[in-house]
Amino acid sequence: MSPDKPETPSQVQIQLQIDEQTAQGVYVNMAMVNHNETEFVIDFVYVQPQAPKAVVRARIINSPRHMKRLLHALQDNVSKYEAQFGKIDVSGMLPPTLGMPQ
């Protein structure tokens, strides 16, 4: 390696594997986010209308750095979606709080 040229990291190609059940996905209509100093936890929840219970269908735990990358990826994809299909309307009723402080 030349001292004039810093080494650039090579891109790693990752092949994703997904089993049949995971590929089907699950429907959720709410997400709850919590954090501490070292990690973020996202609970993906299905709330059935008029039902007294909600079900956590998936829990994702990740690092603060990964959470920030996820935030940027979500912002980028929402922007691309709105450019193609129009602005997403988020007015109307707020989702239930499940007794948690807002």
N, C-alpha and C. Protein backbone atom coordinates (compact mmCIF):
# COMPACT_ATOMS: atom_id res chain seq x y z
N MET A 1 0.84 -1.18 0.00
CA MET A 1 0.00 0.00 0.00
C MET A 1 0.88 1.24 0.00
N SER A 2 0.52 2.19 -0.80
CA SER A 2 1.27 3.43 -0.91
C SER A 2 0.93 4.36 0.25
N PRO A 3 1.92 5.06 0.80
CA PRO A 3 1.64 5.99 1.90
C PRO A 3 0.77 7.17 1.44
N ASP A 4 0.75 7.45 0.13
CA ASP A 4 -0.05 8.56 -0.40
C ASP A 4 -1.53 8.21 -0.49
N LYS A 5 -1.84 6.93 -0.59
CA LYS A 5 -3.22 6.49 -0.80
C LYS A 5 -3.69 5.67 0.39
N PRO A 6 -4.66 6.19 1.16
CA PRO A 6 -5.17 5.38 2.25
C PRO A 6 -5.99 4.21 1.71
N GLU A 7 -5.97 3.13 2.46
CA GLU A 7 -6.71 1.93 2.04
C GLU A 7 -8.21 2.15 2.23
N THR A 8 -8.98 1.83 1.20
CA THR A 8 -10.43 1.94 1.32
C THR A 8 -10.98 0.57 1.68
N PRO A 9 -11.92 0.55 2.63
CA PRO A 9 -12.48 -0.76 3.02
C PRO A 9 -13.27 -1.36 1.87
N SER A 10 -13.14 -2.66 1.71
CA SER A 10 -13.87 -3.32 0.63
C SER A 10 -15.30 -3.60 1.05
N GLN A 11 -16.21 -3.57 0.09
CA GLN A 11 -17.62 -3.86 0.35
C GLN A 11 -17.80 -5.37 0.48
N VAL A 12 -18.54 -5.78 1.49
CA VAL A 12 -18.82 -7.19 1.70
C VAL A 12 -20.22 -7.47 1.18
N GLN A 13 -20.36 -8.47 0.33
CA GLN A 13 -21.66 -8.89 -0.17
C GLN A 13 -22.25 -9.88 0.81
N ILE A 14 -23.44 -9.59 1.30
CA ILE A 14 -24.11 -10.48 2.25
C ILE A 14 -25.30 -11.12 1.56
N GLN A 15 -25.37 -12.43 1.63
CA GLN A 15 -26.53 -13.14 1.09
C GLN A 15 -27.52 -13.36 2.21
N LEU A 16 -28.74 -12.91 2.00
CA LEU A 16 -29.77 -13.07 3.02
C LEU A 16 -30.48 -14.40 2.88
N GLN A 17 -30.77 -15.00 4.00
CA GLN A 17 -31.59 -16.21 4.04
C GLN A 17 -32.84 -15.86 4.82
N ILE A 18 -33.98 -16.36 4.37
CA ILE A 18 -35.22 -16.13 5.08
C ILE A 18 -36.08 -17.38 4.99
N ASP A 19 -36.52 -17.86 6.14
CA ASP A 19 -37.35 -19.07 6.13
C ASP A 19 -38.77 -18.71 5.71
N GLU A 20 -39.55 -19.72 5.36
CA GLU A 20 -40.90 -19.53 4.85
C GLU A 20 -41.79 -18.73 5.80
N GLN A 21 -41.78 -19.07 7.08
CA GLN A 21 -42.64 -18.38 8.05
C GLN A 21 -42.27 -16.91 8.19
N THR A 22 -41.00 -16.61 8.27
CA THR A 22 -40.55 -15.22 8.38
C THR A 22 -40.88 -14.45 7.11
N ALA A 23 -40.75 -15.08 5.97
CA ALA A 23 -41.03 -14.43 4.69
C ALA A 23 -42.49 -14.01 4.58
N GLN A 24 -43.38 -14.70 5.27
CA GLN A 24 -44.80 -14.35 5.24
C GLN A 24 -45.07 -13.02 5.95
N GLY A 25 -44.24 -12.66 6.91
CA GLY A 25 -44.41 -11.42 7.65
C GLY A 25 -45.58 -11.48 8.61
N VAL A 26 -45.70 -10.47 9.45
CA VAL A 26 -46.83 -10.34 10.35
C VAL A 26 -47.31 -8.90 10.29
N TYR A 27 -48.60 -8.71 10.45
CA TYR A 27 -49.18 -7.37 10.42
C TYR A 27 -49.10 -6.76 11.81
N VAL A 28 -48.65 -5.51 11.89
CA VAL A 28 -48.67 -4.75 13.14
C VAL A 28 -49.24 -3.37 12.83
N ASN A 29 -49.83 -2.76 13.84
CA ASN A 29 -50.38 -1.42 13.64
C ASN A 29 -49.90 -0.43 14.70
N MET A 30 -48.85 -0.83 15.42
CA MET A 30 -48.27 0.07 16.41
C MET A 30 -46.85 -0.40 16.72
N ALA A 31 -46.00 0.56 17.06
CA ALA A 31 -44.65 0.22 17.52
C ALA A 31 -44.36 1.04 18.76
N MET A 32 -43.70 0.41 19.70
CA MET A 32 -43.29 1.10 20.93
C MET A 32 -41.77 1.05 20.99
N VAL A 33 -41.16 2.19 21.27
CA VAL A 33 -39.70 2.28 21.30
C VAL A 33 -39.25 2.69 22.70
N ASN A 34 -38.31 1.94 23.24
CA ASN A 34 -37.69 2.26 24.52
C ASN A 34 -36.18 2.17 24.36
N HIS A 35 -35.47 2.79 25.28
CA HIS A 35 -34.00 2.73 25.19
C HIS A 35 -33.38 2.88 26.56
N ASN A 36 -32.13 2.46 26.64
CA ASN A 36 -31.27 2.78 27.77
C ASN A 36 -29.94 3.24 27.17
N GLU A 37 -28.92 3.32 27.96
CA GLU A 37 -27.63 3.85 27.47
C GLU A 37 -27.02 3.00 26.36
N THR A 38 -27.27 1.69 26.37
CA THR A 38 -26.55 0.80 25.45
C THR A 38 -27.39 0.18 24.35
N GLU A 39 -28.73 0.30 24.43
CA GLU A 39 -29.54 -0.35 23.40
C GLU A 39 -30.91 0.29 23.25
N PHE A 40 -31.49 0.07 22.08
CA PHE A 40 -32.87 0.45 21.79
C PHE A 40 -33.68 -0.83 21.65
N VAL A 41 -34.93 -0.77 22.10
CA VAL A 41 -35.84 -1.90 21.97
C VAL A 41 -37.08 -1.40 21.24
N ILE A 42 -37.43 -2.07 20.15
CA ILE A 42 -38.65 -1.75 19.40
C ILE A 42 -39.58 -2.94 19.51
N ASP A 43 -40.75 -2.73 20.09
CA ASP A 43 -41.79 -3.75 20.13
C ASP A 43 -42.79 -3.43 19.03
N PHE A 44 -43.01 -4.38 18.15
CA PHE A 44 -44.01 -4.25 17.10
C PHE A 44 -45.28 -4.94 17.59
N VAL A 45 -46.36 -4.17 17.67
CA VAL A 45 -47.56 -4.59 18.38
C VAL A 45 -48.76 -4.61 17.44
N TYR A 46 -49.65 -5.60 17.66
CA TYR A 46 -50.93 -5.62 16.97
C TYR A 46 -52.02 -5.32 17.99
N VAL A 47 -52.74 -4.23 17.77
CA VAL A 47 -53.85 -3.84 18.62
C VAL A 47 -55.13 -4.09 17.84
N GLN A 48 -55.96 -4.95 18.36
CA GLN A 48 -57.24 -5.23 17.72
C GLN A 48 -58.25 -4.19 18.18
N PRO A 49 -59.01 -3.61 17.25
CA PRO A 49 -59.99 -2.61 17.66
C PRO A 49 -60.95 -3.17 18.70
N GLN A 50 -61.24 -2.38 19.71
CA GLN A 50 -62.18 -2.72 20.78
C GLN A 50 -61.72 -3.87 21.67
N ALA A 51 -60.50 -4.35 21.52
CA ALA A 51 -60.01 -5.45 22.36
C ALA A 51 -59.22 -4.88 23.53
N PRO A 52 -59.33 -5.48 24.71
CA PRO A 52 -58.61 -4.96 25.87
C PRO A 52 -57.14 -5.34 25.91
N LYS A 53 -56.69 -6.19 25.01
CA LYS A 53 -55.29 -6.63 25.01
C LYS A 53 -54.63 -6.34 23.67
N ALA A 54 -53.32 -6.16 23.72
CA ALA A 54 -52.52 -6.01 22.52
C ALA A 54 -51.44 -7.08 22.56
N VAL A 55 -50.96 -7.49 21.39
CA VAL A 55 -49.99 -8.57 21.30
C VAL A 55 -48.70 -8.05 20.67
N VAL A 56 -47.58 -8.27 21.37
CA VAL A 56 -46.28 -7.97 20.78
C VAL A 56 -45.96 -9.10 19.82
N ARG A 57 -45.84 -8.77 18.53
CA ARG A 57 -45.58 -9.79 17.52
C ARG A 57 -44.10 -9.94 17.20
N ALA A 58 -43.31 -8.91 17.53
CA ALA A 58 -41.87 -9.00 17.32
C ALA A 58 -41.19 -7.96 18.22
N ARG A 59 -40.02 -8.31 18.72
CA ARG A 59 -39.20 -7.38 19.49
C ARG A 59 -37.82 -7.34 18.85
N ILE A 60 -37.37 -6.13 18.56
CA ILE A 60 -36.05 -5.93 17.95
C ILE A 60 -35.20 -5.14 18.94
N ILE A 61 -34.01 -5.66 19.23
CA ILE A 61 -33.08 -4.99 20.15
C ILE A 61 -31.83 -4.66 19.34
N ASN A 62 -31.44 -3.38 19.37
CA ASN A 62 -30.25 -3.01 18.61
C ASN A 62 -29.46 -1.91 19.30
N SER A 63 -28.28 -1.65 18.77
CA SER A 63 -27.38 -0.65 19.34
C SER A 63 -27.81 0.75 18.92
N PRO A 64 -27.37 1.77 19.66
CA PRO A 64 -27.68 3.15 19.26
C PRO A 64 -27.18 3.49 17.85
N ARG A 65 -26.02 3.00 17.47
CA ARG A 65 -25.49 3.28 16.13
C ARG A 65 -26.37 2.65 15.06
N HIS A 66 -26.78 1.41 15.29
CA HIS A 66 -27.65 0.76 14.32
C HIS A 66 -29.01 1.44 14.27
N MET A 67 -29.52 1.89 15.41
CA MET A 67 -30.81 2.57 15.45
C MET A 67 -30.77 3.84 14.60
N LYS A 68 -29.68 4.57 14.70
CA LYS A 68 -29.55 5.81 13.90
C LYS A 68 -29.51 5.48 12.41
N ARG A 69 -28.81 4.39 12.05
CA ARG A 69 -28.78 3.96 10.64
C ARG A 69 -30.17 3.54 10.18
N LEU A 70 -30.91 2.86 11.05
CA LEU A 70 -32.27 2.45 10.74
C LEU A 70 -33.16 3.67 10.54
N LEU A 71 -33.02 4.67 11.40
CA LEU A 71 -33.78 5.91 11.28
C LEU A 71 -33.53 6.56 9.92
N HIS A 72 -32.28 6.64 9.51
CA HIS A 72 -31.95 7.25 8.22
C HIS A 72 -32.54 6.42 7.07
N ALA A 73 -32.46 5.10 7.18
CA ALA A 73 -33.02 4.24 6.13
C ALA A 73 -34.54 4.43 6.03
N LEU A 74 -35.21 4.53 7.17
CA LEU A 74 -36.66 4.75 7.17
C LEU A 74 -37.01 6.10 6.57
N GLN A 75 -36.28 7.15 6.96
CA GLN A 75 -36.52 8.48 6.41
C GLN A 75 -36.33 8.49 4.90
N ASP A 76 -35.28 7.85 4.42
CA ASP A 76 -35.00 7.78 2.99
C ASP A 76 -36.11 7.05 2.25
N ASN A 77 -36.57 5.93 2.80
CA ASN A 77 -37.61 5.15 2.13
C ASN A 77 -38.96 5.85 2.15
N VAL A 78 -39.30 6.54 3.23
CA VAL A 78 -40.56 7.29 3.27
C VAL A 78 -40.50 8.42 2.24
N SER A 79 -39.37 9.09 2.13
CA SER A 79 -39.22 10.16 1.12
C SER A 79 -39.41 9.61 -0.29
N LYS A 80 -38.81 8.46 -0.56
CA LYS A 80 -38.95 7.84 -1.89
C LYS A 80 -40.39 7.40 -2.14
N TYR A 81 -41.04 6.85 -1.12
CA TYR A 81 -42.44 6.44 -1.24
C TYR A 81 -43.32 7.65 -1.57
N GLU A 82 -43.14 8.76 -0.81
CA GLU A 82 -43.96 9.94 -1.03
C GLU A 82 -43.68 10.59 -2.38
N ALA A 83 -42.45 10.50 -2.86
CA ALA A 83 -42.14 11.03 -4.19
C ALA A 83 -42.89 10.25 -5.26
N GLN A 84 -43.07 8.97 -5.05
CA GLN A 84 -43.73 8.12 -6.04
C GLN A 84 -45.26 8.10 -5.89
N PHE A 85 -45.75 8.07 -4.65
CA PHE A 85 -47.18 7.85 -4.41
C PHE A 85 -47.91 9.02 -3.77
N GLY A 86 -47.19 10.05 -3.36
CA GLY A 86 -47.82 11.19 -2.71
C GLY A 86 -47.61 11.17 -1.21
N LYS A 87 -47.89 12.33 -0.62
CA LYS A 87 -47.67 12.52 0.82
C LYS A 87 -48.53 11.56 1.63
N ILE A 88 -47.95 10.99 2.67
CA ILE A 88 -48.66 10.10 3.59
C ILE A 88 -49.39 10.97 4.61
N ASP A 89 -50.69 10.77 4.73
CA ASP A 89 -51.51 11.53 5.67
C ASP A 89 -51.48 10.85 7.04
N VAL A 90 -50.95 11.54 8.03
CA VAL A 90 -50.89 10.98 9.38
C VAL A 90 -51.85 11.69 10.32
N SER A 91 -52.79 12.47 9.75
CA SER A 91 -53.77 13.13 10.61
C SER A 91 -54.80 12.10 11.07
N GLY A 92 -55.61 12.50 12.03
CA GLY A 92 -56.64 11.59 12.52
C GLY A 92 -56.31 11.11 13.91
N MET A 93 -57.01 10.05 14.31
CA MET A 93 -56.84 9.52 15.67
C MET A 93 -55.43 9.00 15.90
N LEU A 94 -54.93 9.29 17.10
CA LEU A 94 -53.64 8.72 17.51
C LEU A 94 -53.86 7.30 17.97
N PRO A 95 -52.83 6.45 17.82
CA PRO A 95 -52.96 5.08 18.31
C PRO A 95 -53.08 5.06 19.84
N PRO A 96 -53.62 3.99 20.40
CA PRO A 96 -53.76 3.91 21.86
C PRO A 96 -52.39 3.90 22.53
N THR A 97 -52.35 4.29 23.80
CA THR A 97 -51.08 4.37 24.51
C THR A 97 -50.81 3.14 25.37
N LEU A 98 -51.76 2.26 25.51
CA LEU A 98 -51.60 1.06 26.34
C LEU A 98 -51.21 1.39 27.77
N GLY A 99 -51.71 2.54 28.26
CA GLY A 99 -51.44 2.91 29.63
C GLY A 99 -50.03 3.40 29.88
N MET A 100 -49.27 3.64 28.82
CA MET A 100 -47.89 4.09 28.96
C MET A 100 -47.86 5.62 28.85
N PRO A 101 -46.99 6.30 29.59
CA PRO A 101 -46.88 7.76 29.46
C PRO A 101 -46.38 8.13 28.08
N GLN A 102 -46.86 9.27 27.57
CA GLN A 102 -46.43 9.70 26.23
C GLN A 102 -45.31 10.69 26.31
